[in-house]
Amino acid sequence: MLIFDPTPGTEPRVDELLRSARRKAEAAGYRCWAYRNEIHPSEITLFLEGPLPDPSEGGPAPIFGDEIGELRSLARRFEPVRSLVEYPLEGDDA
């Protein structure tokens, strides 16, 4: 997941990049979607959800080409966010 604010005036190119990212993600077996924050409409959150990689395969292969790098260059704020599955949510306090 990542959160970003496109620089004003770049919205048409950002929309093209988001559509391209979605097509590539879906072709690789992932779900990819974006939404605008209701409180801060300039903020876009991009989600990517898919199968967990097989550890025996040496880690996941890249999904996107240059879409993410170009989104970063068109943003005035860009924050990659770690997934909740990367954080322990419950302890072993039994």
Protein backbone atom coordinates (compact mmCIF):
# COMPACT_ATOMS: atom_id res chain seq x y z
CA MET A 1 0.00 0.00 0.00
CA LEU A 2 1.18 3.53 -0.66
CA ILE A 3 -0.28 6.97 -0.05
CA PHE A 4 0.49 9.98 -2.19
CA ASP A 5 -0.70 13.46 -3.13
CA PRO A 6 -0.26 14.21 -6.83
CA THR A 7 1.22 17.59 -7.66
CA PRO A 8 -1.60 19.82 -8.95
CA GLY A 9 -1.91 19.56 -12.72
CA THR A 10 -0.54 16.00 -12.94
CA GLU A 11 -3.85 14.23 -12.31
CA PRO A 12 -4.41 13.04 -15.93
CA ARG A 13 -0.99 11.35 -16.05
CA VAL A 14 -1.48 9.93 -12.53
CA ASP A 15 -4.78 8.39 -13.65
CA GLU A 16 -3.04 6.76 -16.66
CA LEU A 17 -0.32 5.36 -14.40
CA LEU A 18 -2.85 3.97 -11.92
CA ARG A 19 -4.74 2.22 -14.74
CA SER A 20 -1.49 0.78 -16.07
CA ALA A 21 -0.48 -0.42 -12.59
CA ARG A 22 -3.85 -2.09 -12.14
CA ARG A 23 -3.60 -3.94 -15.46
CA LYS A 24 -0.10 -5.22 -14.64
CA ALA A 25 -1.07 -6.28 -11.13
CA GLU A 26 -4.15 -8.14 -12.34
CA ALA A 27 -2.09 -9.87 -15.04
CA ALA A 28 0.28 -11.07 -12.28
CA GLY A 29 -2.62 -12.44 -10.18
CA TYR A 30 -3.00 -9.52 -7.75
CA ARG A 31 -5.86 -7.16 -6.95
CA CYS A 32 -4.96 -3.51 -7.24
CA TRP A 33 -7.19 -0.55 -6.48
CA ALA A 34 -6.97 3.08 -5.49
CA TYR A 35 -9.25 5.49 -3.69
CA ARG A 36 -9.28 9.14 -2.77
CA ASN A 37 -9.39 10.12 0.88
CA GLU A 38 -12.79 11.60 1.76
CA ILE A 39 -11.28 14.11 4.19
CA HIS A 40 -8.27 15.07 2.01
CA PRO A 41 -9.47 14.60 -1.61
CA SER A 42 -6.01 15.23 -3.06
CA GLU A 43 -4.65 12.15 -1.25
CA ILE A 44 -4.74 8.82 -3.10
CA THR A 45 -4.15 5.44 -1.51
CA LEU A 46 -3.04 2.58 -3.77
CA PHE A 47 -3.64 -0.95 -2.50
CA LEU A 48 -2.12 -4.18 -3.76
CA GLU A 49 -3.39 -7.52 -2.53
CA GLY A 50 -2.36 -10.90 -3.75
CA PRO A 51 -0.99 -14.31 -3.05
CA LEU A 52 1.85 -14.67 -0.61
CA PRO A 53 5.10 -15.53 -2.40
CA ASP A 54 6.47 -19.04 -2.13
CA PRO A 55 9.67 -18.71 -0.02
CA SER A 56 11.29 -21.51 -2.04
CA GLU A 57 11.09 -19.30 -5.14
CA GLY A 58 13.44 -16.70 -3.68
CA GLY A 59 10.96 -13.90 -3.07
CA PRO A 60 8.41 -12.06 -5.15
CA ALA A 61 9.11 -10.81 -8.66
CA PRO A 62 8.51 -7.14 -9.45
CA ILE A 63 4.95 -6.44 -10.57
CA PHE A 64 5.25 -2.93 -11.96
CA GLY A 65 7.54 -1.34 -14.51
CA ASP A 66 8.20 2.35 -13.99
CA GLU A 67 4.68 3.27 -12.83
CA ILE A 68 5.58 3.62 -9.15
CA GLY A 69 8.71 5.64 -9.86
CA GLU A 70 6.77 7.96 -12.12
CA LEU A 71 3.98 8.33 -9.54
CA ARG A 72 6.68 9.29 -7.01
CA SER A 73 8.03 11.94 -9.39
CA LEU A 74 4.53 13.40 -9.87
CA ALA A 75 3.72 13.53 -6.16
CA ARG A 76 4.27 16.27 -3.64
CA ARG A 77 3.96 13.62 -0.90
CA PHE A 78 4.69 9.90 -1.34
CA GLU A 79 4.62 7.35 1.50
CA PRO A 80 5.02 3.59 1.11
CA VAL A 81 3.09 1.95 3.94
CA ARG A 82 3.81 -1.49 5.35
CA SER A 83 1.04 -4.03 5.27
CA LEU A 84 -0.64 -5.18 8.47
CA VAL A 85 0.46 -8.74 7.68
CA GLU A 86 4.05 -7.57 8.19
CA TYR A 87 3.32 -6.59 11.80
CA PRO A 88 2.58 -9.01 14.63
CA LEU A 89 -0.96 -8.23 15.75
CA GLU A 90 -1.19 -10.76 18.57
CA GLY A 91 1.41 -12.05 20.99
CA ASP A 92 2.02 -15.52 22.30
CA ASP A 93 0.88 -14.54 25.80
CA ALA A 94 -1.15 -17.67 26.50
